[in-house]
Amino acid sequence: MPGTWGLTKAQARYRPAEKLEVRCDVCAYMFPRMEFGSCKFVRGVIRAAYTCDEFAKRDEDTDKPVGT
């Protein structure tokens, strides 16, 4: 697992999400979950409609990655 803001967008393969289920706004690492925000691992402004290789679905109850 990368360190906090340890990845560039290119390293994380940040890109437009092809499916709603893997968008940054449903990822455990995006905050705040608005149109634009930040990511725990990827540097820079993060768009809600994008995704990357570090995506982890957020558990709605705990706000953590599913299964942790």
PDB file of N, CA and C in Angstrom:
ATOM      1  N   MET A   1       0.838  -1.167   0.000  1.00  0.00           N
ATOM      2  CA  MET A   1       0.000   0.000   0.000  1.00  0.00           C
ATOM      3  C   MET A   1       0.891   1.242   0.000  1.00  0.00           C
ATOM      4  N   PRO A   2       0.593   2.194  -0.873  1.00  0.00           N
ATOM      5  CA  PRO A   2       1.412   3.409  -0.941  1.00  0.00           C
ATOM      6  C   PRO A   2       1.241   4.288   0.289  1.00  0.00           C
ATOM      7  N   GLY A   3       2.192   5.161   0.493  1.00  0.00           N
ATOM      8  CA  GLY A   3       2.096   6.122   1.585  1.00  0.00           C
ATOM      9  C   GLY A   3       1.116   7.232   1.243  1.00  0.00           C
ATOM     10  N   THR A   4       0.782   8.030   2.236  1.00  0.00           N
ATOM     11  CA  THR A   4      -0.130   9.138   2.021  1.00  0.00           C
ATOM     12  C   THR A   4       0.406  10.063   0.935  1.00  0.00           C
ATOM     13  N   TRP A   5      -0.433  10.329  -0.064  1.00  0.00           N
ATOM     14  CA  TRP A   5      -0.091  11.126  -1.240  1.00  0.00           C
ATOM     15  C   TRP A   5       1.202  10.654  -1.889  1.00  0.00           C
ATOM     16  N   GLY A   6       1.439   9.341  -1.840  1.00  0.00           N
ATOM     17  CA  GLY A   6       2.671   8.773  -2.361  1.00  0.00           C
ATOM     18  C   GLY A   6       2.690   8.493  -3.850  1.00  0.00           C
ATOM     19  N   LEU A   7       1.553   8.690  -4.520  1.00  0.00           N
ATOM     20  CA  LEU A   7       1.483   8.353  -5.940  1.00  0.00           C
ATOM     21  C   LEU A   7       1.105   9.560  -6.791  1.00  0.00           C
ATOM     22  N   THR A   8       1.704   9.622  -7.962  1.00  0.00           N
ATOM     23  CA  THR A   8       1.236  10.589  -8.957  1.00  0.00           C
ATOM     24  C   THR A   8       0.019   9.971  -9.637  1.00  0.00           C
ATOM     25  N   LYS A   9      -0.708  10.769 -10.368  1.00  0.00           N
ATOM     26  CA  LYS A   9      -1.861  10.240 -11.099  1.00  0.00           C
ATOM     27  C   LYS A   9      -1.422   9.200 -12.126  1.00  0.00           C
ATOM     28  N   ALA A  10      -0.292   9.426 -12.751  1.00  0.00           N
ATOM     29  CA  ALA A  10       0.210   8.461 -13.736  1.00  0.00           C
ATOM     30  C   ALA A  10       0.564   7.133 -13.072  1.00  0.00           C
ATOM     31  N   GLN A  11       1.206   7.162 -11.918  1.00  0.00           N
ATOM     32  CA  GLN A  11       1.571   5.929 -11.206  1.00  0.00           C
ATOM     33  C   GLN A  11       0.336   5.138 -10.773  1.00  0.00           C
ATOM     34  N   ALA A  12      -0.736   5.837 -10.411  1.00  0.00           N
ATOM     35  CA  ALA A  12      -1.966   5.185  -9.953  1.00  0.00           C
ATOM     36  C   ALA A  12      -2.879   4.797 -11.120  1.00  0.00           C
ATOM     37  N   ARG A  13      -2.507   5.179 -12.321  1.00  0.00           N
ATOM     38  CA  ARG A  13      -3.343   4.961 -13.507  1.00  0.00           C
ATOM     39  C   ARG A  13      -4.727   5.599 -13.316  1.00  0.00           C
ATOM     40  N   TYR A  14      -4.729   6.836 -12.850  1.00  0.00           N
ATOM     41  CA  TYR A  14      -5.936   7.646 -12.656  1.00  0.00           C
ATOM     42  C   TYR A  14      -6.568   7.901 -14.014  1.00  0.00           C
ATOM     43  N   ARG A  15      -7.868   7.646 -14.132  1.00  0.00           N
ATOM     44  CA  ARG A  15      -8.547   7.726 -15.426  1.00  0.00           C
ATOM     45  C   ARG A  15     -10.053   7.830 -15.225  1.00  0.00           C
ATOM     46  N   PRO A  16     -10.804   8.226 -16.268  1.00  0.00           N
ATOM     47  CA  PRO A  16     -12.261   8.236 -16.148  1.00  0.00           C
ATOM     48  C   PRO A  16     -12.773   6.822 -15.835  1.00  0.00           C
ATOM     49  N   ALA A  17     -13.735   6.738 -14.916  1.00  0.00           N
ATOM     50  CA  ALA A  17     -14.297   5.442 -14.531  1.00  0.00           C
ATOM     51  C   ALA A  17     -15.257   4.951 -15.616  1.00  0.00           C
ATOM     52  N   GLU A  18     -15.150   3.685 -15.958  1.00  0.00           N
ATOM     53  CA  GLU A  18     -16.036   3.101 -16.962  1.00  0.00           C
ATOM     54  C   GLU A  18     -17.347   2.621 -16.344  1.00  0.00           C
ATOM     55  N   LYS A  19     -17.354   2.408 -15.011  1.00  0.00           N
ATOM     56  CA  LYS A  19     -18.544   1.918 -14.320  1.00  0.00           C
ATOM     57  C   LYS A  19     -18.796   2.770 -13.080  1.00  0.00           C
ATOM     58  N   LEU A  20     -20.055   2.957 -12.737  1.00  0.00           N
ATOM     59  CA  LEU A  20     -20.412   3.726 -11.545  1.00  0.00           C
ATOM     60  C   LEU A  20     -19.854   3.091 -10.276  1.00  0.00           C
ATOM     61  N   GLU A  21     -19.727   1.765 -10.251  1.00  0.00           N
ATOM     62  CA  GLU A  21     -19.300   1.036  -9.057  1.00  0.00           C
ATOM     63  C   GLU A  21     -17.848   1.277  -8.661  1.00  0.00           C
ATOM     64  N   VAL A  22     -17.037   1.837  -9.569  1.00  0.00           N
ATOM     65  CA  VAL A  22     -15.616   2.040  -9.272  1.00  0.00           C
ATOM     66  C   VAL A  22     -15.200   3.501  -9.353  1.00  0.00           C
ATOM     67  N   ARG A  23     -16.160   4.397  -9.235  1.00  0.00           N
ATOM     68  CA  ARG A  23     -15.854   5.829  -9.238  1.00  0.00           C
ATOM     69  C   ARG A  23     -15.174   6.238  -7.935  1.00  0.00           C
ATOM     70  N   CYS A  24     -14.368   7.267  -7.997  1.00  0.00           N
ATOM     71  CA  CYS A  24     -13.685   7.767  -6.800  1.00  0.00           C
ATOM     72  C   CYS A  24     -14.658   8.164  -5.695  1.00  0.00           C
ATOM     73  N   ASP A  25     -15.846   8.644  -6.046  1.00  0.00           N
ATOM     74  CA  ASP A  25     -16.781   9.075  -5.001  1.00  0.00           C
ATOM     75  C   ASP A  25     -17.391   7.924  -4.208  1.00  0.00           C
ATOM     76  N   VAL A  26     -17.139   6.682  -4.585  1.00  0.00           N
ATOM     77  CA  VAL A  26     -17.547   5.528  -3.768  1.00  0.00           C
ATOM     78  C   VAL A  26     -16.329   4.795  -3.209  1.00  0.00           C
ATOM     79  N   CYS A  27     -15.156   5.402  -3.366  1.00  0.00           N
ATOM     80  CA  CYS A  27     -13.910   4.825  -2.866  1.00  0.00           C
ATOM     81  C   CYS A  27     -13.685   5.238  -1.406  1.00  0.00           C
ATOM     82  N   ALA A  28     -13.121   4.342  -0.636  1.00  0.00           N
ATOM     83  CA  ALA A  28     -12.837   4.599   0.779  1.00  0.00           C
ATOM     84  C   ALA A  28     -11.781   5.685   0.970  1.00  0.00           C
ATOM     85  N   TYR A  29     -10.997   5.981  -0.058  1.00  0.00           N
ATOM     86  CA  TYR A  29      -9.869   6.894   0.098  1.00  0.00           C
ATOM     87  C   TYR A  29     -10.114   8.316  -0.388  1.00  0.00           C
ATOM     88  N   MET A  30     -11.304   8.592  -0.971  1.00  0.00           N
ATOM     89  CA  MET A  30     -11.598   9.950  -1.435  1.00  0.00           C
ATOM     90  C   MET A  30     -12.289  10.750  -0.342  1.00  0.00           C
ATOM     91  N   PHE A  31     -11.916  12.009  -0.210  1.00  0.00           N
ATOM     92  CA  PHE A  31     -12.559  12.911   0.740  1.00  0.00           C
ATOM     93  C   PHE A  31     -12.431  14.351   0.247  1.00  0.00           C
ATOM     94  N   PRO A  32     -13.388  15.215   0.426  1.00  0.00           N
ATOM     95  CA  PRO A  32     -14.778  14.855   0.658  1.00  0.00           C
ATOM     96  C   PRO A  32     -15.351  14.224  -0.601  1.00  0.00           C
ATOM     97  N   ARG A  33     -16.448  13.556  -0.475  1.00  0.00           N
ATOM     98  CA  ARG A  33     -17.063  12.875  -1.619  1.00  0.00           C
ATOM     99  C   ARG A  33     -17.983  13.825  -2.363  1.00  0.00           C
ATOM    100  N   MET A  34     -17.353  14.731  -3.057  1.00  0.00           N
ATOM    101  CA  MET A  34     -18.060  15.737  -3.852  1.00  0.00           C
ATOM    102  C   MET A  34     -17.551  15.623  -5.280  1.00  0.00           C
ATOM    103  N   GLU A  35     -17.917  16.542  -6.131  1.00  0.00           N
ATOM    104  CA  GLU A  35     -17.470  16.493  -7.523  1.00  0.00           C
ATOM    105  C   GLU A  35     -15.944  16.507  -7.632  1.00  0.00           C
ATOM    106  N   PHE A  36     -15.291  17.264  -6.742  1.00  0.00           N
ATOM    107  CA  PHE A  36     -13.834  17.323  -6.684  1.00  0.00           C
ATOM    108  C   PHE A  36     -13.414  17.119  -5.237  1.00  0.00           C
ATOM    109  N   GLY A  37     -12.307  16.417  -5.024  1.00  0.00           N
ATOM    110  CA  GLY A  37     -11.822  16.194  -3.671  1.00  0.00           C
ATOM    111  C   GLY A  37     -10.368  15.793  -3.675  1.00  0.00           C
ATOM    112  N   SER A  38      -9.980  15.069  -2.633  1.00  0.00           N
ATOM    113  CA  SER A  38      -8.617  14.580  -2.475  1.00  0.00           C
ATOM    114  C   SER A  38      -8.641  13.077  -2.278  1.00  0.00           C
ATOM    115  N   CYS A  39      -7.487  12.481  -2.378  1.00  0.00           N
ATOM    116  CA  CYS A  39      -7.341  11.045  -2.178  1.00  0.00           C
ATOM    117  C   CYS A  39      -6.223  10.808  -1.165  1.00  0.00           C
ATOM    118  N   LYS A  40      -6.383   9.782  -0.377  1.00  0.00           N
ATOM    119  CA  LYS A  40      -5.344   9.442   0.609  1.00  0.00           C
ATOM    120  C   LYS A  40      -4.018   9.103  -0.069  1.00  0.00           C
ATOM    121  N   PHE A  41      -4.062   8.489  -1.252  1.00  0.00           N
ATOM    122  CA  PHE A  41      -2.844   7.989  -1.896  1.00  0.00           C
ATOM    123  C   PHE A  41      -2.378   8.772  -3.120  1.00  0.00           C
ATOM    124  N   VAL A  42      -3.311   9.377  -3.856  1.00  0.00           N
ATOM    125  CA  VAL A  42      -2.974  10.017  -5.128  1.00  0.00           C
ATOM    126  C   VAL A  42      -2.923  11.534  -4.951  1.00  0.00           C
ATOM    127  N   ARG A  43      -1.839  12.138  -5.376  1.00  0.00           N
ATOM    128  CA  ARG A  43      -1.657  13.585  -5.259  1.00  0.00           C
ATOM    129  C   ARG A  43      -2.523  14.340  -6.266  1.00  0.00           C
ATOM    130  N   GLY A  44      -2.953  15.539  -5.870  1.00  0.00           N
ATOM    131  CA  GLY A  44      -3.681  16.420  -6.771  1.00  0.00           C
ATOM    132  C   GLY A  44      -5.183  16.393  -6.540  1.00  0.00           C
ATOM    133  N   VAL A  45      -5.873  17.189  -7.334  1.00  0.00           N
ATOM    134  CA  VAL A  45      -7.331  17.257  -7.259  1.00  0.00           C
ATOM    135  C   VAL A  45      -7.907  16.002  -7.901  1.00  0.00           C
ATOM    136  N   ILE A  46      -8.847  15.375  -7.208  1.00  0.00           N
ATOM    137  CA  ILE A  46      -9.442  14.120  -7.663  1.00  0.00           C
ATOM    138  C   ILE A  46     -10.890  14.372  -8.075  1.00  0.00           C
ATOM    139  N   ARG A  47     -11.250  13.871  -9.233  1.00  0.00           N
ATOM    140  CA  ARG A  47     -12.618  14.009  -9.738  1.00  0.00           C
ATOM    141  C   ARG A  47     -13.450  12.802  -9.307  1.00  0.00           C
ATOM    142  N   ALA A  48     -14.680  13.058  -8.896  1.00  0.00           N
ATOM    143  CA  ALA A  48     -15.577  11.993  -8.436  1.00  0.00           C
ATOM    144  C   ALA A  48     -15.833  10.937  -9.507  1.00  0.00           C
ATOM    145  N   ALA A  49     -15.862  11.318 -10.759  1.00  0.00           N
ATOM    146  CA  ALA A  49     -16.199  10.403 -11.853  1.00  0.00           C
ATOM    147  C   ALA A  49     -14.997   9.627 -12.393  1.00  0.00           C
ATOM    148  N   TYR A  50     -13.856   9.704 -11.722  1.00  0.00           N
ATOM    149  CA  TYR A  50     -12.657   8.997 -12.146  1.00  0.00           C
ATOM    150  C   TYR A  50     -12.406   7.790 -11.248  1.00  0.00           C
ATOM    151  N   THR A  51     -11.375   7.031 -11.552  1.00  0.00           N
ATOM    152  CA  THR A  51     -10.960   5.890 -10.741  1.00  0.00           C
ATOM    153  C   THR A  51      -9.454   5.699 -10.906  1.00  0.00           C
ATOM    154  N   CYS A  52      -8.886   4.759 -10.145  1.00  0.00           N
ATOM    155  CA  CYS A  52      -7.470   4.421 -10.298  1.00  0.00           C
ATOM    156  C   CYS A  52      -7.237   2.994  -9.805  1.00  0.00           C
ATOM    157  N   ASP A  53      -6.014   2.539  -9.893  1.00  0.00           N
ATOM    158  CA  ASP A  53      -5.674   1.169  -9.482  1.00  0.00           C
ATOM    159  C   ASP A  53      -5.725   0.963  -7.977  1.00  0.00           C
ATOM    160  N   GLU A  54      -5.801   2.026  -7.192  1.00  0.00           N
ATOM    161  CA  GLU A  54      -5.864   1.911  -5.729  1.00  0.00           C
ATOM    162  C   GLU A  54      -7.298   1.882  -5.209  1.00  0.00           C
ATOM    163  N   PHE A  55      -8.280   1.864  -6.092  1.00  0.00           N
ATOM    164  CA  PHE A  55      -9.688   1.900  -5.693  1.00  0.00           C
ATOM    165  C   PHE A  55     -10.021   0.793  -4.686  1.00  0.00           C
ATOM    166  N   ALA A  56     -10.757   1.165  -3.642  1.00  0.00           N
ATOM    167  CA  ALA A  56     -11.287   0.224  -2.647  1.00  0.00           C
ATOM    168  C   ALA A  56     -12.688   0.690  -2.281  1.00  0.00           C
ATOM    169  N   LYS A  57     -13.669  -0.146  -2.543  1.00  0.00           N
ATOM    170  CA  LYS A  57     -15.055   0.229  -2.255  1.00  0.00           C
ATOM    171  C   LYS A  57     -15.223   0.567  -0.781  1.00  0.00           C
ATOM    172  N   ARG A  58     -15.928   1.651  -0.508  1.00  0.00           N
ATOM    173  CA  ARG A  58     -16.167   2.141   0.848  1.00  0.00           C
ATOM    174  C   ARG A  58     -17.340   1.400   1.473  1.00  0.00           C
ATOM    175  N   ASP A  59     -17.167   0.954   2.694  1.00  0.00           N
ATOM    176  CA  ASP A  59     -18.248   0.349   3.476  1.00  0.00           C
ATOM    177  C   ASP A  59     -19.124   1.500   3.972  1.00  0.00           C
ATOM    178  N   GLU A  60     -20.379   1.492   3.622  1.00  0.00           N
ATOM    179  CA  GLU A  60     -21.288   2.590   3.982  1.00  0.00           C
ATOM    180  C   GLU A  60     -21.423   2.773   5.489  1.00  0.00           C
ATOM    181  N   ASP A  61     -21.276   1.702   6.263  1.00  0.00           N
ATOM    182  CA  ASP A  61     -21.457   1.784   7.715  1.00  0.00           C
ATOM    183  C   ASP A  61     -20.219   2.285   8.454  1.00  0.00           C
ATOM    184  N   THR A  62     -19.038   1.853   8.014  1.00  0.00           N
ATOM    185  CA  THR A  62     -17.818   2.186   8.734  1.00  0.00           C
ATOM    186  C   THR A  62     -16.980   3.271   8.063  1.00  0.00           C
ATOM    187  N   ASP A  63     -17.287   3.577   6.785  1.00  0.00           N
ATOM    188  CA  ASP A  63     -16.523   4.555   6.005  1.00  0.00           C
ATOM    189  C   ASP A  63     -15.105   4.086   5.725  1.00  0.00           C
ATOM    190  N   LYS A  64     -14.864   2.783   5.882  1.00  0.00           N
ATOM    191  CA  LYS A  64     -13.563   2.171   5.602  1.00  0.00           C
ATOM    192  C   LYS A  64     -13.691   1.243   4.406  1.00  0.00           C
ATOM    193  N   PRO A  65     -12.564   0.728   3.864  1.00  0.00           N
ATOM    194  CA  PRO A  65     -12.674  -0.215   2.770  1.00  0.00           C
ATOM    195  C   PRO A  65     -13.508  -1.441   3.182  1.00  0.00           C
ATOM    196  N   VAL A  66     -14.279  -1.961   2.255  1.00  0.00           N
ATOM    197  CA  VAL A  66     -15.102  -3.142   2.514  1.00  0.00           C
ATOM    198  C   VAL A  66     -14.209  -4.294   2.983  1.00  0.00           C
ATOM    199  N   GLY A  67     -14.642  -4.972   4.042  1.00  0.00           N
ATOM    200  CA  GLY A  67     -13.907  -6.130   4.532  1.00  0.00           C
ATOM    201  C   GLY A  67     -12.873  -5.838   5.592  1.00  0.00           C
ATOM    202  N   THR A  68     -12.719  -4.593   6.007  1.00  0.00           N
ATOM    203  CA  THR A  68     -11.713  -4.297   7.037  1.00  0.00           C
ATOM    204  C   THR A  68     -12.377  -3.979   8.362  1.00  0.00           C
TER     205      THR A  68
END
